[in-house]
Amino acid sequence: MEKRVLVFYLVWTIVLVALPMISANAEVDALYIFKSKLQDPTNSLQSWDNLPGNLCTWFHVTCNPEGSVTRV
């Protein structure tokens, strides 16, 4: 029984750690796809790339204190 509880907590911890990374990658992917649908003749969105990183540093992207995108 104790082993099951330990395994449960271990799996739950891994999920909680991985979830923000998955979410951040989803936001990167979504914004990159959005950018690909736009015309950007002045190259204003050159900071938007599909590499994992801090979306909050992208031009015209606003984030909340937790690092999630709140406005484009």
N, C-alpha and C. Protein backbone atom coordinates (compact mmCIF):
# COMPACT_ATOMS: atom_id res chain seq x y z
N MET A 1 0.83 -1.20 0.00
CA MET A 1 0.00 0.00 0.00
C MET A 1 0.87 1.26 0.00
N GLU A 2 1.90 1.29 0.85
CA GLU A 2 2.77 2.47 0.90
C GLU A 2 3.47 2.70 -0.43
N LYS A 3 3.83 1.62 -1.10
CA LYS A 3 4.49 1.74 -2.39
C LYS A 3 3.55 2.37 -3.43
N ARG A 4 2.28 2.01 -3.39
CA ARG A 4 1.31 2.60 -4.31
C ARG A 4 1.16 4.10 -4.07
N VAL A 5 1.11 4.48 -2.82
CA VAL A 5 0.98 5.90 -2.48
C VAL A 5 2.21 6.66 -2.96
N LEU A 6 3.38 6.10 -2.76
CA LEU A 6 4.61 6.73 -3.20
C LEU A 6 4.64 6.88 -4.72
N VAL A 7 4.24 5.85 -5.43
CA VAL A 7 4.20 5.90 -6.90
C VAL A 7 3.19 6.95 -7.35
N PHE A 8 2.04 7.00 -6.70
CA PHE A 8 1.02 7.99 -7.04
C PHE A 8 1.58 9.41 -6.89
N TYR A 9 2.21 9.70 -5.77
CA TYR A 9 2.76 11.03 -5.55
C TYR A 9 3.89 11.34 -6.52
N LEU A 10 4.68 10.37 -6.86
CA LEU A 10 5.76 10.58 -7.82
C LEU A 10 5.19 10.92 -9.20
N VAL A 11 4.21 10.17 -9.65
CA VAL A 11 3.59 10.44 -10.95
C VAL A 11 2.91 11.80 -10.94
N TRP A 12 2.20 12.11 -9.89
CA TRP A 12 1.50 13.39 -9.77
C TRP A 12 2.49 14.55 -9.81
N THR A 13 3.62 14.41 -9.15
CA THR A 13 4.64 15.45 -9.15
C THR A 13 5.20 15.66 -10.56
N ILE A 14 5.45 14.58 -11.26
CA ILE A 14 5.96 14.69 -12.63
C ILE A 14 4.95 15.40 -13.53
N VAL A 15 3.68 15.08 -13.38
CA VAL A 15 2.63 15.73 -14.17
C VAL A 15 2.59 17.22 -13.87
N LEU A 16 2.65 17.59 -12.61
CA LEU A 16 2.59 19.00 -12.23
C LEU A 16 3.79 19.78 -12.73
N VAL A 17 4.94 19.15 -12.77
CA VAL A 17 6.14 19.81 -13.28
C VAL A 17 6.08 19.95 -14.80
N ALA A 18 5.59 18.94 -15.49
CA ALA A 18 5.56 18.95 -16.95
C ALA A 18 4.45 19.81 -17.53
N LEU A 19 3.36 19.97 -16.82
CA LEU A 19 2.21 20.69 -17.35
C LEU A 19 2.51 22.12 -17.79
N PRO A 20 3.20 22.94 -17.01
CA PRO A 20 3.50 24.30 -17.48
C PRO A 20 4.34 24.31 -18.75
N MET A 21 5.26 23.37 -18.90
CA MET A 21 6.08 23.31 -20.10
C MET A 21 5.23 22.98 -21.31
N ILE A 22 4.29 22.07 -21.16
CA ILE A 22 3.40 21.70 -22.26
C ILE A 22 2.53 22.89 -22.63
N SER A 23 2.02 23.59 -21.62
CA SER A 23 1.18 24.75 -21.85
C SER A 23 1.94 25.85 -22.58
N ALA A 24 3.17 26.12 -22.15
CA ALA A 24 3.98 27.16 -22.78
C ALA A 24 4.25 26.81 -24.24
N ASN A 25 4.55 25.55 -24.52
CA ASN A 25 4.79 25.14 -25.90
C ASN A 25 3.53 25.29 -26.74
N ALA A 26 2.38 25.05 -26.16
CA ALA A 26 1.11 25.21 -26.89
C ALA A 26 0.89 26.67 -27.25
N GLU A 27 1.23 27.57 -26.35
CA GLU A 27 1.09 29.00 -26.63
C GLU A 27 2.07 29.42 -27.73
N VAL A 28 3.29 28.93 -27.68
CA VAL A 28 4.28 29.23 -28.73
C VAL A 28 3.75 28.75 -30.08
N ASP A 29 3.29 27.52 -30.12
CA ASP A 29 2.78 26.95 -31.37
C ASP A 29 1.59 27.75 -31.89
N ALA A 30 0.66 28.09 -31.01
CA ALA A 30 -0.54 28.82 -31.43
C ALA A 30 -0.18 30.20 -31.98
N LEU A 31 0.70 30.92 -31.30
CA LEU A 31 1.07 32.25 -31.78
C LEU A 31 1.88 32.18 -33.08
N TYR A 32 2.71 31.17 -33.21
CA TYR A 32 3.49 31.02 -34.43
C TYR A 32 2.57 30.73 -35.62
N ILE A 33 1.56 29.90 -35.42
CA ILE A 33 0.59 29.61 -36.48
C ILE A 33 -0.20 30.88 -36.81
N PHE A 34 -0.60 31.61 -35.77
CA PHE A 34 -1.32 32.88 -35.97
C PHE A 34 -0.46 33.83 -36.82
N LYS A 35 0.83 33.94 -36.48
CA LYS A 35 1.74 34.82 -37.22
C LYS A 35 1.84 34.40 -38.68
N SER A 36 1.85 33.10 -38.94
CA SER A 36 2.00 32.62 -40.31
C SER A 36 0.80 33.00 -41.18
N LYS A 37 -0.32 33.33 -40.56
CA LYS A 37 -1.52 33.72 -41.30
C LYS A 37 -1.58 35.23 -41.55
N LEU A 38 -0.67 35.98 -40.95
CA LEU A 38 -0.67 37.43 -41.08
C LEU A 38 0.28 37.88 -42.18
N GLN A 39 0.02 39.07 -42.71
CA GLN A 39 0.99 39.72 -43.58
C GLN A 39 1.76 40.70 -42.72
N ASP A 40 3.07 40.62 -42.76
CA ASP A 40 3.92 41.47 -41.93
C ASP A 40 5.01 42.11 -42.80
N PRO A 41 4.62 43.07 -43.65
CA PRO A 41 5.58 43.65 -44.59
C PRO A 41 6.72 44.41 -43.92
N THR A 42 6.50 44.91 -42.71
CA THR A 42 7.57 45.65 -42.01
C THR A 42 8.37 44.75 -41.07
N ASN A 43 8.06 43.47 -41.08
CA ASN A 43 8.77 42.48 -40.25
C ASN A 43 8.70 42.84 -38.76
N SER A 44 7.56 43.36 -38.34
CA SER A 44 7.37 43.76 -36.94
C SER A 44 7.39 42.58 -35.98
N LEU A 45 7.04 41.42 -36.50
CA LEU A 45 6.92 40.24 -35.64
C LEU A 45 8.12 39.30 -35.77
N GLN A 46 9.27 39.85 -36.12
CA GLN A 46 10.45 39.00 -36.30
C GLN A 46 10.87 38.31 -35.01
N SER A 47 10.49 38.86 -33.86
CA SER A 47 10.85 38.23 -32.58
C SER A 47 9.99 37.00 -32.30
N TRP A 48 8.95 36.80 -33.08
CA TRP A 48 8.07 35.65 -32.91
C TRP A 48 8.68 34.46 -33.64
N ASP A 49 9.25 33.55 -32.91
CA ASP A 49 9.76 32.33 -33.53
C ASP A 49 9.15 31.14 -32.80
N ASN A 50 9.29 29.98 -33.35
CA ASN A 50 8.66 28.81 -32.74
C ASN A 50 9.61 28.04 -31.84
N LEU A 51 10.65 28.70 -31.36
CA LEU A 51 11.57 28.08 -30.42
C LEU A 51 11.03 28.22 -29.01
N PRO A 52 11.22 27.21 -28.18
CA PRO A 52 10.80 27.35 -26.78
C PRO A 52 11.52 28.52 -26.14
N GLY A 53 10.81 29.27 -25.39
CA GLY A 53 11.41 30.43 -24.75
C GLY A 53 10.36 31.27 -24.07
N ASN A 54 10.72 32.48 -23.80
CA ASN A 54 9.83 33.37 -23.08
C ASN A 54 8.99 34.17 -24.06
N LEU A 55 7.73 33.80 -24.18
CA LEU A 55 6.81 34.52 -25.06
C LEU A 55 6.65 35.97 -24.64
N CYS A 56 6.88 36.25 -23.39
CA CYS A 56 6.66 37.59 -22.86
C CYS A 56 7.66 38.60 -23.41
N THR A 57 8.71 38.12 -24.07
CA THR A 57 9.68 39.02 -24.68
C THR A 57 9.34 39.31 -26.14
N TRP A 58 8.33 38.63 -26.66
CA TRP A 58 7.94 38.85 -28.06
C TRP A 58 7.27 40.22 -28.20
N PHE A 59 7.54 40.88 -29.31
CA PHE A 59 6.97 42.19 -29.60
C PHE A 59 5.45 42.08 -29.71
N HIS A 60 4.74 42.98 -29.07
CA HIS A 60 3.27 43.04 -29.06
C HIS A 60 2.61 41.88 -28.31
N VAL A 61 3.31 41.21 -27.42
CA VAL A 61 2.73 40.14 -26.60
C VAL A 61 2.81 40.57 -25.15
N THR A 62 1.69 40.49 -24.44
CA THR A 62 1.63 40.85 -23.03
C THR A 62 1.30 39.60 -22.23
N CYS A 63 1.98 39.45 -21.09
CA CYS A 63 1.79 38.27 -20.24
C CYS A 63 1.39 38.67 -18.84
N ASN A 64 0.79 37.72 -18.13
CA ASN A 64 0.48 37.93 -16.72
C ASN A 64 1.71 37.56 -15.89
N PRO A 65 1.68 37.78 -14.57
CA PRO A 65 2.85 37.46 -13.74
C PRO A 65 3.27 35.99 -13.78
N GLU A 66 2.34 35.10 -14.13
CA GLU A 66 2.67 33.68 -14.21
C GLU A 66 3.35 33.32 -15.52
N GLY A 67 3.39 34.25 -16.47
CA GLY A 67 4.06 34.01 -17.75
C GLY A 67 3.16 33.51 -18.86
N SER A 68 1.84 33.55 -18.64
CA SER A 68 0.91 33.15 -19.70
C SER A 68 0.50 34.38 -20.51
N VAL A 69 0.28 34.18 -21.78
CA VAL A 69 -0.11 35.28 -22.67
C VAL A 69 -1.51 35.75 -22.31
N THR A 70 -1.66 37.07 -22.18
CA THR A 70 -2.97 37.65 -21.87
C THR A 70 -3.47 38.57 -22.97
N ARG A 71 -2.54 39.06 -23.81
CA ARG A 71 -2.95 39.99 -24.86
C ARG A 71 -1.95 39.96 -26.00
N VAL A 72 -2.49 40.09 -27.21
CA VAL A 72 -1.64 40.19 -28.41
C VAL A 72 -2.08 41.42 -29.16
